[in-house]
Amino acid sequence: MKPCRSMLYIPGDSPGMIQHAPVFGADSILLDLEDAVALTEKDAARKMVACYLKDYDFKDLIVTVRVNGADTEFFDDDLKEIIPCSPAAIRIPKCNGPADVLAADKKIEEIEKANSIPVGKVEIHAMIETAVGVENAFFIASACPRVQALTLGGQDLTADMGVQKTKEGWELFYARSRVVVAARAACVDVYDTVWADISDKEGLLK
């Protein structure tokens, strides 16, 4: 299996960036339908990502799609449009407990069956973005076999905790450690929070 050491976030409504994804040198890409897309562009971005998943050659890139949260009006439509295109994984925002991933798992399974996709083919990567999510990280990771990774959402987590996000990131030290241990205990992968300061290459390398 190809190692996934780096993941490049690409806005789902940016065809130019999507087309150039294979030349950026990342091991994987995340096509983002959530924070990177304006509310007015959600439907267009969803359709665009689906088209690229069906027709574009991403070479050997691992392709994950971050959908909008289950608490939004876009979640069900995102799953219905994206799952039939068989991305490697769906990243689910704001997973606070096992019930969140179990509900998503059920919906994904229904769509897989309706489209003759092997059940379980599309993985769930659960985002940990709240204090409750951190506390429940192991239970989220072990909720069902479809969950194959945890990922820390540092921006939303610091907002949830009411602390300032710093460049050094010490405010996330406990959460990072807790999520890594939970992922290891559940035998799933784990991804760090996104590095958003694209002008700071030295910080990215650290």
Foldseek 3Di string as FASTA:
>chain_A
DDDQPDEAEDELPDVVCVQCVLVPPGQAYEHELEPSDDPVCNVVSLQSNLVCLQDPCSDNHQYEYEWYEPPDPGRLVSLLRRLLSQHQEYEHEDDLALVRVVVVLVSSQVSCVVNVHPRLRYAYEYEHQAPSCLVRLLRNCQSDPSHAEYEYAVVNHCVRVVHDQDLVRPVCVVSVVSNVVSCVVSVHYYYYHDDDPPVCVVSVVD
